[in-house]
C-alpha atoms as a PDB file:
ATOM      1  CA  MET A   1      16.124  22.886 -18.792  1.00  0.00           C
ATOM      2  CA  LYS A   2      15.539  23.235 -15.050  1.00  0.00           C
ATOM      3  CA  PRO A   3      18.229  22.180 -12.587  1.00  0.00           C
ATOM      4  CA  ASN A   4      17.719  19.231 -10.281  1.00  0.00           C
ATOM      5  CA  TYR A   5      16.708  20.970  -7.056  1.00  0.00           C
ATOM      6  CA  ASP A   6      16.710  17.704  -5.094  1.00  0.00           C
ATOM      7  CA  ALA A   7      20.407  17.209  -5.833  1.00  0.00           C
ATOM      8  CA  MET A   8      21.303  20.683  -4.519  1.00  0.00           C
ATOM      9  CA  SER A   9      22.331  21.291  -0.943  1.00  0.00           C
ATOM     10  CA  TRP A  10      20.351  23.834   1.061  1.00  0.00           C
ATOM     11  CA  SER A  11      23.074  26.430   0.473  1.00  0.00           C
ATOM     12  CA  GLU A  12      23.249  25.733  -3.249  1.00  0.00           C
ATOM     13  CA  LEU A  13      19.482  25.956  -3.630  1.00  0.00           C
ATOM     14  CA  ARG A  14      19.370  29.193  -1.647  1.00  0.00           C
ATOM     15  CA  ALA A  15      22.114  30.710  -3.804  1.00  0.00           C
ATOM     16  CA  TYR A  16      20.284  29.583  -6.951  1.00  0.00           C
ATOM     17  CA  ILE A  17      17.050  31.201  -5.746  1.00  0.00           C
ATOM     18  CA  LEU A  18      18.829  34.456  -4.942  1.00  0.00           C
ATOM     19  CA  SER A  19      20.192  34.619  -8.484  1.00  0.00           C
ATOM     20  CA  HIS A  20      16.976  33.324 -10.155  1.00  0.00           C
ATOM     21  CA  ARG A  21      14.267  35.097  -8.188  1.00  0.00           C
ATOM     22  CA  ASP A  22      11.607  34.411 -10.814  1.00  0.00           C
ATOM     23  CA  ASP A  23      11.980  30.605 -10.562  1.00  0.00           C
ATOM     24  CA  LEU A  24       8.993  29.649  -8.421  1.00  0.00           C
ATOM     25  CA  ASP A  25       9.720  25.913  -8.747  1.00  0.00           C
ATOM     26  CA  ALA A  26      13.032  26.435  -6.956  1.00  0.00           C
ATOM     27  CA  LEU A  27      11.328  28.418  -4.226  1.00  0.00           C
ATOM     28  CA  GLU A  28       8.741  25.667  -3.772  1.00  0.00           C
ATOM     29  CA  ALA A  29      11.552  23.088  -3.526  1.00  0.00           C
ATOM     30  CA  LEU A  30      13.212  25.108  -0.764  1.00  0.00           C
ATOM     31  CA  TYR A  31       9.914  25.614   1.047  1.00  0.00           C
ATOM     32  CA  ALA A  32       9.218  21.862   0.894  1.00  0.00           C
ATOM     33  CA  ARG A  33      12.422  21.241   2.875  1.00  0.00           C
ATOM     34  CA  ARG A  34      11.273  23.186   5.918  1.00  0.00           C
ATOM     35  CA  SER A  35      10.229  21.439   9.097  1.00  0.00           C
ATOM     36  CA  PRO A  36       6.532  20.665   9.220  1.00  0.00           C
ATOM     37  CA  ASP A  37       4.449  22.616  11.696  1.00  0.00           C
ATOM     38  CA  SER A  38       3.842  19.416  13.639  1.00  0.00           C
ATOM     39  CA  GLU A  39       7.571  19.351  14.480  1.00  0.00           C
ATOM     40  CA  ALA A  40       7.851  23.073  15.193  1.00  0.00           C
ATOM     41  CA  THR A  41       8.153  24.523  18.666  1.00  0.00           C
ATOM     42  CA  TRP A  42       5.816  27.462  19.156  1.00  0.00           C
ATOM     43  CA  PHE A  43       6.449  30.184  21.693  1.00  0.00           C
ATOM     44  CA  THR A  44       4.069  32.909  22.805  1.00  0.00           C
ATOM     45  CA  PRO A  45       5.511  36.353  23.488  1.00  0.00           C
ATOM     46  CA  PRO A  46       6.718  36.505  27.084  1.00  0.00           C
ATOM     47  CA  LYS A  47       4.798  38.818  29.373  1.00  0.00           C
ATOM     48  CA  THR A  48       7.285  38.898  32.220  1.00  0.00           C
ATOM     49  CA  GLU A  49      11.016  38.693  32.678  1.00  0.00           C
ATOM     50  CA  GLU A  50      10.547  35.265  34.261  1.00  0.00           C
ATOM     51  CA  GLU A  51       8.667  33.963  31.205  1.00  0.00           C
ATOM     52  CA  TRP A  52      11.420  35.351  28.973  1.00  0.00           C
ATOM     53  CA  GLN A  53      14.071  33.524  31.001  1.00  0.00           C
ATOM     54  CA  GLN A  54      12.068  30.273  30.831  1.00  0.00           C
ATOM     55  CA  GLN A  55      11.727  30.558  27.073  1.00  0.00           C
ATOM     56  CA  MET A  56      15.426  31.255  26.644  1.00  0.00           C
ATOM     57  CA  GLU A  57      16.199  28.096  28.626  1.00  0.00           C
ATOM     58  CA  MET A  58      13.938  26.152  26.253  1.00  0.00           C
ATOM     59  CA  VAL A  59      15.333  27.788  23.090  1.00  0.00           C
ATOM     60  CA  ARG A  60      19.046  27.267  23.778  1.00  0.00           C
ATOM     61  CA  PRO A  61      19.018  23.451  23.378  1.00  0.00           C
ATOM     62  CA  ILE A  62      16.962  23.780  20.190  1.00  0.00           C
ATOM     63  CA  LEU A  63      19.470  26.188  18.671  1.00  0.00           C
ATOM     64  CA  GLU A  64      22.414  24.034  19.721  1.00  0.00           C
ATOM     65  CA  ARG A  65      21.093  20.943  17.947  1.00  0.00           C
ATOM     66  CA  LYS A  66      20.003  22.736  14.754  1.00  0.00           C
ATOM     67  CA  PRO A  67      22.432  22.587  11.816  1.00  0.00           C
ATOM     68  CA  LYS A  68      23.762  25.925  10.667  1.00  0.00           C
ATOM     69  CA  VAL A  69      21.705  27.404   7.849  1.00  0.00           C
ATOM     70  CA  ASN A  70      24.657  28.088   5.557  1.00  0.00           C
ATOM     71  CA  GLU A  71      25.911  24.524   5.582  1.00  0.00           C
END
């Protein structure tokens, strides 16, 4: 009998996958929880120090509002 992946938190599902690496259904359940590409923020590699600074200014607010992965 397979566990109910929908009832697991992100951390619980991740821990389950790490201990049951052959369970592809669990991996698909975790993958389905990711943000869709339409909501993703894409960055190109910076070519100059100025571009790097600009990207860091854009990344900081994104990281501050994201929940921690282990929660």
